[in-house]
Amino acid sequence: MTVTGEPTRWELLFADLEARIAAEEAAEREGAVAELTRAEHASISAADRLRAVVGVPLRLELLDGELLDGLLRRVAATWLLLDGRGVRGRVQHLVPLRAVAGVLGAGRQAAPSTTRSDGLGLGTALRGLQRDRARVLVRTRASSTIGRIARVGADHLDLDDVERRDAPVRLVPFSALLRVSEA
């Protein structure tokens, strides 16, 4: 400092250098935080996002453009269960996640899997419907068929048409499924 109490040229220079270094360090920290945030978001699955809103009303848009409105009841790694409304009241829909083109109402939060049942595959869920001899509507992009699931393989199901007794067994690959609903 000078005799008058004002900072000297060098003091101002060093203060400016310190301010620049502090600003660079802050920018680096902000960049690192942003990069870590992006990396964390990259590890979040659609199932984790949906798991955070179980019990919330959602609108699903399926790959064929069909809209399903309902209350999200359960989410596994590859499918979800939605309580919807039908002509005869409440209808449950088992929807493979790969058949979902979009979801409205999911929010931005996520929740990791917390139970072993979250890892149940689509085949396991379909075998439960087979075991119960449930009457189901199986919907693909090509058609809808009401029937009972006769068998569930590794990547397909066999459906017995209950409306036409003489109809052949329909083999439906999982990759074709848009939804399996109560009928």
N, C-alpha and C. Protein backbone atom coordinates (compact mmCIF):
# COMPACT_ATOMS: atom_id res chain seq x y z
N MET A 1 0.84 -1.17 0.00
CA MET A 1 0.00 0.00 0.00
C MET A 1 0.89 1.24 0.00
N THR A 2 0.31 2.24 -0.58
CA THR A 2 1.03 3.51 -0.60
C THR A 2 0.83 4.23 0.72
N VAL A 3 1.52 5.32 0.88
CA VAL A 3 1.43 6.12 2.09
C VAL A 3 0.00 6.63 2.27
N THR A 4 -0.70 6.83 1.20
CA THR A 4 -2.07 7.35 1.29
C THR A 4 -3.08 6.25 1.61
N GLY A 5 -2.63 5.01 1.67
CA GLY A 5 -3.52 3.90 2.01
C GLY A 5 -4.15 3.24 0.79
N GLU A 6 -3.78 3.69 -0.39
CA GLU A 6 -4.31 3.08 -1.60
C GLU A 6 -3.43 1.90 -1.99
N PRO A 7 -4.03 0.86 -2.61
CA PRO A 7 -3.21 -0.29 -3.01
C PRO A 7 -2.25 0.11 -4.13
N THR A 8 -1.08 -0.53 -4.12
CA THR A 8 -0.10 -0.27 -5.18
C THR A 8 -0.48 -1.01 -6.44
N ARG A 9 0.21 -0.66 -7.52
CA ARG A 9 -0.04 -1.30 -8.81
C ARG A 9 0.18 -2.81 -8.71
N TRP A 10 1.24 -3.21 -8.01
CA TRP A 10 1.54 -4.64 -7.90
C TRP A 10 0.49 -5.35 -7.04
N GLU A 11 0.05 -4.72 -6.00
CA GLU A 11 -0.99 -5.32 -5.16
C GLU A 11 -2.27 -5.53 -5.98
N LEU A 12 -2.60 -4.54 -6.81
CA LEU A 12 -3.77 -4.69 -7.67
C LEU A 12 -3.56 -5.81 -8.68
N LEU A 13 -2.35 -5.92 -9.22
CA LEU A 13 -2.02 -6.97 -10.17
C LEU A 13 -2.18 -8.35 -9.52
N PHE A 14 -1.62 -8.54 -8.33
CA PHE A 14 -1.71 -9.84 -7.65
C PHE A 14 -3.14 -10.14 -7.22
N ALA A 15 -3.86 -9.14 -6.81
CA ALA A 15 -5.27 -9.35 -6.46
C ALA A 15 -6.06 -9.78 -7.68
N ASP A 16 -5.76 -9.17 -8.82
CA ASP A 16 -6.43 -9.55 -10.07
C ASP A 16 -6.07 -10.99 -10.44
N LEU A 17 -4.81 -11.38 -10.30
CA LEU A 17 -4.39 -12.77 -10.60
C LEU A 17 -5.10 -13.77 -9.68
N GLU A 18 -5.17 -13.44 -8.40
CA GLU A 18 -5.86 -14.32 -7.45
C GLU A 18 -7.34 -14.45 -7.80
N ALA A 19 -7.96 -13.37 -8.21
CA ALA A 19 -9.38 -13.41 -8.60
C ALA A 19 -9.58 -14.28 -9.84
N ARG A 20 -8.65 -14.16 -10.79
CA ARG A 20 -8.74 -15.00 -12.00
C ARG A 20 -8.59 -16.49 -11.67
N ILE A 21 -7.62 -16.79 -10.83
CA ILE A 21 -7.40 -18.20 -10.43
C ILE A 21 -8.63 -18.73 -9.70
N ALA A 22 -9.18 -17.94 -8.81
CA ALA A 22 -10.40 -18.37 -8.08
C ALA A 22 -11.55 -18.59 -9.05
N ALA A 23 -11.69 -17.71 -10.04
CA ALA A 23 -12.77 -17.87 -11.03
C ALA A 23 -12.56 -19.13 -11.87
N GLU A 24 -11.32 -19.41 -12.26
CA GLU A 24 -11.02 -20.62 -13.03
C GLU A 24 -11.32 -21.88 -12.22
N GLU A 25 -10.92 -21.85 -10.93
CA GLU A 25 -11.19 -23.01 -10.07
C GLU A 25 -12.70 -23.23 -9.90
N ALA A 26 -13.45 -22.15 -9.74
CA ALA A 26 -14.91 -22.25 -9.61
C ALA A 26 -15.52 -22.81 -10.89
N ALA A 27 -15.03 -22.34 -12.04
CA ALA A 27 -15.54 -22.85 -13.33
C ALA A 27 -15.23 -24.33 -13.49
N GLU A 28 -14.01 -24.75 -13.07
CA GLU A 28 -13.65 -26.17 -13.14
C GLU A 28 -14.57 -27.00 -12.25
N ARG A 29 -14.83 -26.51 -11.02
CA ARG A 29 -15.73 -27.23 -10.12
C ARG A 29 -17.12 -27.34 -10.72
N GLU A 30 -17.63 -26.24 -11.28
CA GLU A 30 -18.96 -26.27 -11.89
C GLU A 30 -19.00 -27.24 -13.06
N GLY A 31 -17.93 -27.26 -13.86
CA GLY A 31 -17.85 -28.19 -14.98
C GLY A 31 -17.81 -29.63 -14.52
N ALA A 32 -17.05 -29.88 -13.45
CA ALA A 32 -16.96 -31.25 -12.91
C ALA A 32 -18.30 -31.69 -12.35
N VAL A 33 -18.98 -30.79 -11.65
CA VAL A 33 -20.30 -31.12 -11.10
C VAL A 33 -21.27 -31.40 -12.24
N ALA A 34 -21.24 -30.58 -13.27
CA ALA A 34 -22.13 -30.79 -14.42
C ALA A 34 -21.84 -32.13 -15.09
N GLU A 35 -20.57 -32.46 -15.25
CA GLU A 35 -20.18 -33.73 -15.89
C GLU A 35 -20.61 -34.92 -15.02
N LEU A 36 -20.43 -34.82 -13.71
CA LEU A 36 -20.87 -35.89 -12.82
C LEU A 36 -22.39 -36.05 -12.86
N THR A 37 -23.10 -34.94 -12.94
CA THR A 37 -24.56 -34.99 -13.03
C THR A 37 -24.99 -35.68 -14.32
N ARG A 38 -24.35 -35.32 -15.44
CA ARG A 38 -24.67 -35.98 -16.72
C ARG A 38 -24.36 -37.47 -16.65
N ALA A 39 -23.25 -37.83 -16.05
CA ALA A 39 -22.89 -39.25 -15.93
C ALA A 39 -23.90 -40.00 -15.06
N GLU A 40 -24.35 -39.37 -13.98
CA GLU A 40 -25.35 -40.00 -13.13
C GLU A 40 -26.66 -40.19 -13.88
N HIS A 41 -27.09 -39.17 -14.61
CA HIS A 41 -28.34 -39.27 -15.39
C HIS A 41 -28.23 -40.37 -16.45
N ALA A 42 -27.05 -40.56 -17.01
CA ALA A 42 -26.86 -41.58 -18.05
C ALA A 42 -27.04 -42.99 -17.50
N SER A 43 -26.93 -43.16 -16.20
CA SER A 43 -27.06 -44.49 -15.61
C SER A 43 -28.50 -44.81 -15.17
N ILE A 44 -29.42 -43.86 -15.32
CA ILE A 44 -30.80 -44.06 -14.87
C ILE A 44 -31.62 -44.69 -15.99
N SER A 45 -32.28 -45.79 -15.68
CA SER A 45 -33.11 -46.47 -16.68
C SER A 45 -34.54 -45.93 -16.66
N ALA A 46 -35.28 -46.23 -17.71
CA ALA A 46 -36.70 -45.86 -17.76
C ALA A 46 -37.45 -46.54 -16.61
N ALA A 47 -37.09 -47.77 -16.30
CA ALA A 47 -37.75 -48.47 -15.19
C ALA A 47 -37.52 -47.73 -13.87
N ASP A 48 -36.31 -47.22 -13.65
CA ASP A 48 -36.03 -46.45 -12.43
C ASP A 48 -36.88 -45.18 -12.38
N ARG A 49 -37.03 -44.52 -13.52
CA ARG A 49 -37.85 -43.31 -13.57
C ARG A 49 -39.30 -43.65 -13.24
N LEU A 50 -39.80 -44.74 -13.82
CA LEU A 50 -41.20 -45.11 -13.60
C LEU A 50 -41.41 -45.63 -12.19
N ARG A 51 -40.43 -46.32 -11.65
CA ARG A 51 -40.55 -46.86 -10.29
C ARG A 51 -40.77 -45.74 -9.28
N ALA A 52 -40.28 -44.55 -9.58
CA ALA A 52 -40.42 -43.41 -8.68
C ALA A 52 -41.84 -42.87 -8.65
N VAL A 53 -42.68 -43.27 -9.62
CA VAL A 53 -44.04 -42.73 -9.67
C VAL A 53 -45.10 -43.83 -9.59
N VAL A 54 -44.75 -44.95 -8.96
CA VAL A 54 -45.76 -45.99 -8.73
C VAL A 54 -46.87 -45.37 -7.87
N GLY A 55 -48.11 -45.61 -8.27
CA GLY A 55 -49.25 -45.04 -7.57
C GLY A 55 -49.72 -43.72 -8.16
N VAL A 56 -49.08 -43.28 -9.22
CA VAL A 56 -49.40 -42.00 -9.85
C VAL A 56 -50.13 -42.27 -11.17
N PRO A 57 -51.13 -41.46 -11.51
CA PRO A 57 -51.78 -41.61 -12.82
C PRO A 57 -50.83 -41.17 -13.95
N LEU A 58 -50.78 -42.00 -14.99
CA LEU A 58 -49.92 -41.73 -16.14
C LEU A 58 -50.70 -41.91 -17.44
N ARG A 59 -50.14 -41.40 -18.49
CA ARG A 59 -50.63 -41.69 -19.84
C ARG A 59 -49.47 -42.33 -20.59
N LEU A 60 -49.71 -43.55 -21.09
CA LEU A 60 -48.72 -44.24 -21.90
C LEU A 60 -49.11 -44.11 -23.37
N GLU A 61 -48.14 -43.83 -24.20
CA GLU A 61 -48.33 -43.88 -25.64
C GLU A 61 -47.58 -45.12 -26.11
N LEU A 62 -48.31 -46.06 -26.69
CA LEU A 62 -47.68 -47.28 -27.19
C LEU A 62 -47.11 -47.04 -28.58
N LEU A 63 -46.28 -47.96 -29.05
CA LEU A 63 -45.61 -47.80 -30.33
C LEU A 63 -46.55 -47.64 -31.51
N ASP A 64 -47.77 -48.13 -31.39
CA ASP A 64 -48.73 -48.00 -32.49
C ASP A 64 -49.59 -46.74 -32.35
N GLY A 65 -49.32 -45.92 -31.33
CA GLY A 65 -50.07 -44.68 -31.13
C GLY A 65 -51.21 -44.80 -30.15
N GLU A 66 -51.55 -46.00 -29.69
CA GLU A 66 -52.62 -46.17 -28.71
C GLU A 66 -52.22 -45.46 -27.41
N LEU A 67 -53.20 -44.80 -26.79
CA LEU A 67 -52.98 -44.14 -25.51
C LEU A 67 -53.64 -44.95 -24.41
N LEU A 68 -52.91 -45.22 -23.35
CA LEU A 68 -53.45 -45.91 -22.18
C LEU A 68 -53.32 -44.98 -20.99
N ASP A 69 -54.43 -44.67 -20.36
CA ASP A 69 -54.43 -43.86 -19.15
C ASP A 69 -54.68 -44.79 -17.97
N GLY A 70 -53.97 -44.55 -16.89
CA GLY A 70 -54.21 -45.36 -15.71
C GLY A 70 -53.23 -45.06 -14.60
N LEU A 71 -53.41 -45.80 -13.53
CA LEU A 71 -52.58 -45.68 -12.34
C LEU A 71 -51.46 -46.71 -12.42
N LEU A 72 -50.23 -46.25 -12.33
CA LEU A 72 -49.09 -47.16 -12.39
C LEU A 72 -49.04 -47.98 -11.11
N ARG A 73 -49.11 -49.30 -11.23
CA ARG A 73 -49.15 -50.19 -10.06
C ARG A 73 -47.82 -50.86 -9.76
N ARG A 74 -47.09 -51.23 -10.79
CA ARG A 74 -45.86 -51.99 -10.56
C ARG A 74 -44.92 -51.78 -11.74
N VAL A 75 -43.63 -51.80 -11.46
CA VAL A 75 -42.63 -51.67 -12.51
C VAL A 75 -41.54 -52.71 -12.27
N ALA A 76 -41.23 -53.46 -13.31
CA ALA A 76 -40.10 -54.39 -13.28
C ALA A 76 -39.09 -53.88 -14.31
N ALA A 77 -38.01 -54.61 -14.48
CA ALA A 77 -36.96 -54.15 -15.39
C ALA A 77 -37.44 -54.06 -16.83
N THR A 78 -38.39 -54.93 -17.23
CA THR A 78 -38.79 -54.96 -18.64
C THR A 78 -40.27 -54.76 -18.88
N TRP A 79 -41.06 -54.54 -17.84
CA TRP A 79 -42.50 -54.36 -18.01
C TRP A 79 -43.07 -53.51 -16.90
N LEU A 80 -44.32 -53.08 -17.12
CA LEU A 80 -45.03 -52.34 -16.08
C LEU A 80 -46.48 -52.82 -16.04
N LEU A 81 -47.14 -52.57 -14.93
CA LEU A 81 -48.54 -52.92 -14.74
C LEU A 81 -49.30 -51.63 -14.50
N LEU A 82 -50.33 -51.41 -15.33
CA LEU A 82 -51.11 -50.19 -15.28
C LEU A 82 -52.57 -50.54 -15.01
N ASP A 83 -53.17 -49.87 -14.01
CA ASP A 83 -54.61 -49.99 -13.76
C ASP A 83 -55.31 -48.96 -14.61
N GLY A 84 -56.12 -49.42 -15.54
CA GLY A 84 -56.84 -48.50 -16.41
C GLY A 84 -58.33 -48.65 -16.23
N ARG A 85 -59.08 -47.96 -17.07
CA ARG A 85 -60.54 -48.06 -17.07
C ARG A 85 -60.95 -48.67 -18.40
N GLY A 86 -61.90 -49.56 -18.33
CA GLY A 86 -62.44 -50.18 -19.53
C GLY A 86 -63.95 -50.06 -19.54
N VAL A 87 -64.55 -50.69 -20.52
CA VAL A 87 -66.01 -50.66 -20.65
C VAL A 87 -66.67 -51.24 -19.41
N ARG A 88 -66.04 -52.28 -18.86
CA ARG A 88 -66.63 -52.94 -17.68
C ARG A 88 -65.97 -52.57 -16.37
N GLY A 89 -65.33 -51.42 -16.34
CA GLY A 89 -64.70 -50.99 -15.10
C GLY A 89 -63.19 -51.06 -15.17
N ARG A 90 -62.58 -51.37 -14.04
CA ARG A 90 -61.11 -51.42 -13.93
C ARG A 90 -60.54 -52.55 -14.78
N VAL A 91 -59.48 -52.24 -15.50
CA VAL A 91 -58.76 -53.21 -16.33
C VAL A 91 -57.27 -53.05 -16.08
N GLN A 92 -56.59 -54.16 -15.89
CA GLN A 92 -55.15 -54.10 -15.72
C GLN A 92 -54.47 -54.41 -17.05
N HIS A 93 -53.37 -53.68 -17.31
CA HIS A 93 -52.61 -53.86 -18.54
C HIS A 93 -51.17 -54.19 -18.16
N LEU A 94 -50.66 -55.28 -18.69
CA LEU A 94 -49.25 -55.64 -18.58
C LEU A 94 -48.60 -55.14 -19.86
N VAL A 95 -47.68 -54.19 -19.73
CA VAL A 95 -47.10 -53.53 -20.91
C VAL A 95 -45.58 -53.72 -20.90
N PRO A 96 -45.04 -54.35 -21.94
CA PRO A 96 -43.57 -54.41 -22.03
C PRO A 96 -43.01 -53.00 -22.20
N LEU A 97 -41.95 -52.66 -21.50
CA LEU A 97 -41.38 -51.32 -21.59
C LEU A 97 -40.94 -51.00 -23.02
N ARG A 98 -40.50 -51.99 -23.77
CA ARG A 98 -40.04 -51.73 -25.13
C ARG A 98 -41.21 -51.39 -26.05
N ALA A 99 -42.47 -51.57 -25.60
CA ALA A 99 -43.65 -51.22 -26.41
C ALA A 99 -44.12 -49.80 -26.12
N VAL A 100 -43.46 -49.11 -25.19
CA VAL A 100 -43.87 -47.76 -24.80
C VAL A 100 -43.09 -46.74 -25.63
N ALA A 101 -43.83 -45.89 -26.34
CA ALA A 101 -43.21 -44.84 -27.14
C ALA A 101 -43.03 -43.56 -26.33
N GLY A 102 -43.85 -43.37 -25.31
CA GLY A 102 -43.74 -42.18 -24.48
C GLY A 102 -44.60 -42.29 -23.24
N VAL A 103 -44.25 -41.51 -22.22
CA VAL A 103 -45.00 -41.48 -20.96
C VAL A 103 -45.21 -40.03 -20.56
N LEU A 104 -46.45 -39.70 -20.25
CA LEU A 104 -46.76 -38.37 -19.73
C LEU A 104 -47.10 -38.50 -18.26
N GLY A 105 -46.49 -37.67 -17.42
CA GLY A 105 -46.78 -37.67 -16.00
C GLY A 105 -45.72 -38.34 -15.15
N ALA A 106 -44.59 -38.69 -15.73
CA ALA A 106 -43.56 -39.41 -14.98
C ALA A 106 -42.71 -38.51 -14.10
N GLY A 107 -42.64 -37.24 -14.37
CA GLY A 107 -41.79 -36.37 -13.58
C GLY A 107 -40.32 -36.61 -13.88
N ARG A 108 -39.45 -36.07 -13.06
CA ARG A 108 -38.01 -36.17 -13.31
C ARG A 108 -37.28 -37.04 -12.30
N GLN A 109 -37.95 -37.49 -11.27
CA GLN A 109 -37.30 -38.27 -10.23
C GLN A 109 -37.07 -39.71 -10.69
N ALA A 110 -36.25 -40.42 -9.94
CA ALA A 110 -35.96 -41.83 -10.21
C ALA A 110 -35.86 -42.56 -8.88
N ALA A 111 -36.12 -43.87 -8.93
CA ALA A 111 -35.99 -44.70 -7.73
C ALA A 111 -35.37 -46.03 -8.15
N PRO A 112 -34.30 -46.43 -7.49
CA PRO A 112 -33.66 -47.69 -7.85
C PRO A 112 -34.52 -48.89 -7.45
N SER A 113 -34.21 -50.01 -8.03
CA SER A 113 -34.89 -51.26 -7.67
C SER A 113 -34.59 -51.58 -6.21
N THR A 114 -35.63 -51.97 -5.48
CA THR A 114 -35.43 -52.28 -4.06
C THR A 114 -35.86 -53.70 -3.71
N THR A 115 -36.53 -54.39 -4.63
CA THR A 115 -36.97 -55.75 -4.34
C THR A 115 -36.52 -56.69 -5.44
N ARG A 116 -36.41 -57.95 -5.10
CA ARG A 116 -36.02 -58.94 -6.11
C ARG A 116 -37.07 -59.09 -7.19
N SER A 117 -38.33 -58.83 -6.85
CA SER A 117 -39.38 -58.97 -7.85
C SER A 117 -39.29 -57.92 -8.94
N ASP A 118 -38.54 -56.84 -8.70
CA ASP A 118 -38.34 -55.82 -9.74
C ASP A 118 -37.60 -56.41 -10.94
N GLY A 119 -36.88 -57.48 -10.73
CA GLY A 119 -36.12 -58.11 -11.80
C GLY A 119 -36.88 -59.20 -12.54
N LEU A 120 -38.14 -59.42 -12.17
CA LEU A 120 -38.91 -60.45 -12.86
C LEU A 120 -39.06 -60.10 -14.33
N GLY A 121 -38.80 -61.08 -15.17
CA GLY A 121 -38.92 -60.85 -16.60
C GLY A 121 -40.35 -60.91 -17.08
N LEU A 122 -40.55 -60.52 -18.32
CA LEU A 122 -41.87 -60.55 -18.93
C LEU A 122 -42.43 -61.97 -18.94
N GLY A 123 -41.58 -62.94 -19.24
CA GLY A 123 -42.02 -64.34 -19.25
C GLY A 123 -42.57 -64.79 -17.91
N THR A 124 -41.94 -64.39 -16.84
CA THR A 124 -42.41 -64.75 -15.50
C THR A 124 -43.79 -64.17 -15.23
N ALA A 125 -43.99 -62.90 -15.60
CA ALA A 125 -45.30 -62.28 -15.40
C ALA A 125 -46.36 -62.99 -16.25
N LEU A 126 -46.02 -63.32 -17.47
CA LEU A 126 -46.98 -64.01 -18.34
C LEU A 126 -47.28 -65.41 -17.84
N ARG A 127 -46.30 -66.09 -17.27
CA ARG A 127 -46.54 -67.43 -16.70
C ARG A 127 -47.52 -67.36 -15.54
N GLY A 128 -47.49 -66.25 -14.78
CA GLY A 128 -48.47 -66.06 -13.72
C GLY A 128 -49.88 -65.97 -14.29
N LEU A 129 -50.04 -65.26 -15.39
CA LEU A 129 -51.35 -65.18 -16.04
C LEU A 129 -51.76 -66.54 -16.61
N GLN A 130 -50.80 -67.27 -17.13
CA GLN A 130 -51.08 -68.62 -17.64
C GLN A 130 -51.56 -69.53 -16.52
N ARG A 131 -50.87 -69.50 -15.42
CA ARG A 131 -51.20 -70.34 -14.27
C ARG A 131 -52.60 -70.04 -13.75
N ASP A 132 -53.00 -68.76 -13.77
CA ASP A 132 -54.34 -68.37 -13.30
C ASP A 132 -55.43 -68.64 -14.33
N ARG A 133 -55.02 -69.06 -15.54
CA ARG A 133 -55.98 -69.31 -16.63
C ARG A 133 -56.80 -68.05 -16.90
N ALA A 134 -56.16 -66.92 -16.75
CA ALA A 134 -56.83 -65.63 -16.93
C ALA A 134 -57.23 -65.44 -18.39
N ARG A 135 -58.37 -64.86 -18.57
CA ARG A 135 -58.83 -64.48 -19.92
C ARG A 135 -58.18 -63.13 -20.23
N VAL A 136 -57.45 -63.06 -21.33
CA VAL A 136 -56.67 -61.87 -21.64
C VAL A 136 -56.92 -61.39 -23.07
N LEU A 137 -56.65 -60.12 -23.26
CA LEU A 137 -56.61 -59.54 -24.60
C LEU A 137 -55.14 -59.33 -24.91
N VAL A 138 -54.65 -60.01 -25.94
CA VAL A 138 -53.26 -59.86 -26.36
C VAL A 138 -53.25 -58.94 -27.57
N ARG A 139 -52.56 -57.82 -27.43
CA ARG A 139 -52.55 -56.81 -28.48
C ARG A 139 -51.16 -56.68 -29.07
N THR A 140 -51.11 -56.79 -30.41
CA THR A 140 -49.88 -56.55 -31.16
C THR A 140 -50.16 -55.43 -32.15
N ARG A 141 -49.17 -55.04 -32.92
CA ARG A 141 -49.41 -54.02 -33.95
C ARG A 141 -50.36 -54.54 -35.02
N ALA A 142 -50.38 -55.85 -35.22
CA ALA A 142 -51.18 -56.43 -36.30
C ALA A 142 -52.61 -56.76 -35.89
N SER A 143 -52.82 -57.12 -34.62
CA SER A 143 -54.16 -57.57 -34.24
C SER A 143 -54.34 -57.57 -32.72
N SER A 144 -55.58 -57.85 -32.34
CA SER A 144 -55.93 -58.07 -30.93
C SER A 144 -56.68 -59.39 -30.87
N THR A 145 -56.31 -60.23 -29.93
CA THR A 145 -56.96 -61.53 -29.78
C THR A 145 -57.30 -61.76 -28.32
N ILE A 146 -58.53 -62.20 -28.07
CA ILE A 146 -58.93 -62.57 -26.71
C ILE A 146 -58.72 -64.06 -26.56
N GLY A 147 -58.08 -64.44 -25.49
CA GLY A 147 -57.81 -65.86 -25.28
C GLY A 147 -57.25 -66.14 -23.92
N ARG A 148 -56.69 -67.33 -23.82
CA ARG A 148 -55.99 -67.74 -22.60
C ARG A 148 -54.58 -68.14 -22.99
N ILE A 149 -53.64 -67.76 -22.16
CA ILE A 149 -52.25 -68.10 -22.45
C ILE A 149 -52.07 -69.59 -22.19
N ALA A 150 -51.71 -70.33 -23.23
CA ALA A 150 -51.54 -71.78 -23.13
C ALA A 150 -50.14 -72.15 -22.66
N ARG A 151 -49.14 -71.48 -23.21
CA ARG A 151 -47.74 -71.74 -22.85
C ARG A 151 -46.95 -70.46 -22.98
N VAL A 152 -45.87 -70.40 -22.21
CA VAL A 152 -44.96 -69.26 -22.29
C VAL A 152 -43.56 -69.82 -22.49
N GLY A 153 -42.95 -69.45 -23.61
CA GLY A 153 -41.59 -69.88 -23.90
C GLY A 153 -40.58 -68.82 -23.49
N ALA A 154 -39.37 -68.97 -23.97
CA ALA A 154 -38.30 -68.03 -23.64
C ALA A 154 -38.55 -66.65 -24.24
N ASP A 155 -39.16 -66.62 -25.42
CA ASP A 155 -39.35 -65.34 -26.11
C ASP A 155 -40.70 -65.23 -26.80
N HIS A 156 -41.64 -66.05 -26.39
CA HIS A 156 -42.96 -66.04 -27.03
C HIS A 156 -44.01 -66.63 -26.10
N LEU A 157 -45.28 -66.44 -26.48
CA LEU A 157 -46.37 -67.11 -25.78
C LEU A 157 -47.27 -67.77 -26.82
N ASP A 158 -47.98 -68.80 -26.39
CA ASP A 158 -49.00 -69.44 -27.21
C ASP A 158 -50.34 -69.01 -26.64
N LEU A 159 -51.24 -68.57 -27.50
CA LEU A 159 -52.53 -68.07 -27.07
C LEU A 159 -53.63 -68.92 -27.69
N ASP A 160 -54.51 -69.46 -26.83
CA ASP A 160 -55.70 -70.18 -27.28
C ASP A 160 -56.82 -69.17 -27.42
N ASP A 161 -57.39 -69.06 -28.61
CA ASP A 161 -58.50 -68.14 -28.89
C ASP A 161 -59.75 -68.69 -28.20
N VAL A 162 -60.36 -67.95 -27.28
CA VAL A 162 -61.55 -68.44 -26.57
C VAL A 162 -62.84 -68.12 -27.32
N GLU A 163 -62.77 -67.26 -28.30
CA GLU A 163 -63.97 -66.91 -29.05
C GLU A 163 -64.22 -67.85 -30.22
N ARG A 164 -63.18 -68.47 -30.72
CA ARG A 164 -63.30 -69.43 -31.83
C ARG A 164 -62.62 -70.73 -31.42
N ARG A 165 -63.42 -71.72 -31.08
CA ARG A 165 -62.88 -73.00 -30.60
C ARG A 165 -62.01 -73.70 -31.63
N ASP A 166 -62.32 -73.53 -32.91
CA ASP A 166 -61.58 -74.23 -33.95
C ASP A 166 -60.34 -73.45 -34.42
N ALA A 167 -60.08 -72.30 -33.81
CA ALA A 167 -58.93 -71.47 -34.21
C ALA A 167 -57.63 -72.17 -33.81
N PRO A 168 -56.63 -72.07 -34.65
CA PRO A 168 -55.33 -72.65 -34.29
C PRO A 168 -54.68 -71.85 -33.17
N VAL A 169 -53.75 -72.46 -32.48
CA VAL A 169 -52.99 -71.77 -31.44
C VAL A 169 -52.21 -70.65 -32.10
N ARG A 170 -52.23 -69.49 -31.48
CA ARG A 170 -51.49 -68.33 -32.01
C ARG A 170 -50.19 -68.20 -31.24
N LEU A 171 -49.06 -68.24 -31.93
CA LEU A 171 -47.76 -68.01 -31.33
C LEU A 171 -47.48 -66.51 -31.46
N VAL A 172 -47.20 -65.86 -30.34
CA VAL A 172 -46.94 -64.42 -30.34
C VAL A 172 -45.55 -64.17 -29.75
N PRO A 173 -44.61 -63.71 -30.58
CA PRO A 173 -43.28 -63.37 -30.04
C PRO A 173 -43.40 -62.19 -29.07
N PHE A 174 -42.62 -62.20 -28.01
CA PHE A 174 -42.61 -61.09 -27.06
C PHE A 174 -42.32 -59.77 -27.78
N SER A 175 -41.48 -59.83 -28.81
CA SER A 175 -41.10 -58.61 -29.52
C SER A 175 -42.30 -57.96 -30.22
N ALA A 176 -43.39 -58.71 -30.43
CA ALA A 176 -44.59 -58.17 -31.08
C ALA A 176 -45.61 -57.61 -30.10
N LEU A 177 -45.47 -57.95 -28.82
CA LEU A 177 -46.47 -57.55 -27.83
C LEU A 177 -46.47 -56.03 -27.58
N LEU A 178 -47.66 -55.47 -27.61
CA LEU A 178 -47.85 -54.09 -27.15
C LEU A 178 -48.42 -54.08 -25.75
N ARG A 179 -49.34 -54.99 -25.49
CA ARG A 179 -49.89 -55.11 -24.13
C ARG A 179 -50.66 -56.41 -24.01
N VAL A 180 -50.80 -56.86 -22.78
CA VAL A 180 -51.67 -57.98 -22.42
C VAL A 180 -52.58 -57.43 -21.33
N SER A 181 -53.89 -57.46 -21.61
CA SER A 181 -54.85 -56.82 -20.71
C SER A 181 -55.90 -57.82 -20.26
N GLU A 182 -56.53 -57.51 -19.13
CA GLU A 182 -57.68 -58.31 -18.68
C GLU A 182 -58.78 -58.22 -19.74
N ALA A 183 -59.43 -59.34 -20.00
CA ALA A 183 -60.52 -59.33 -21.00
C ALA A 183 -61.82 -59.74 -20.36
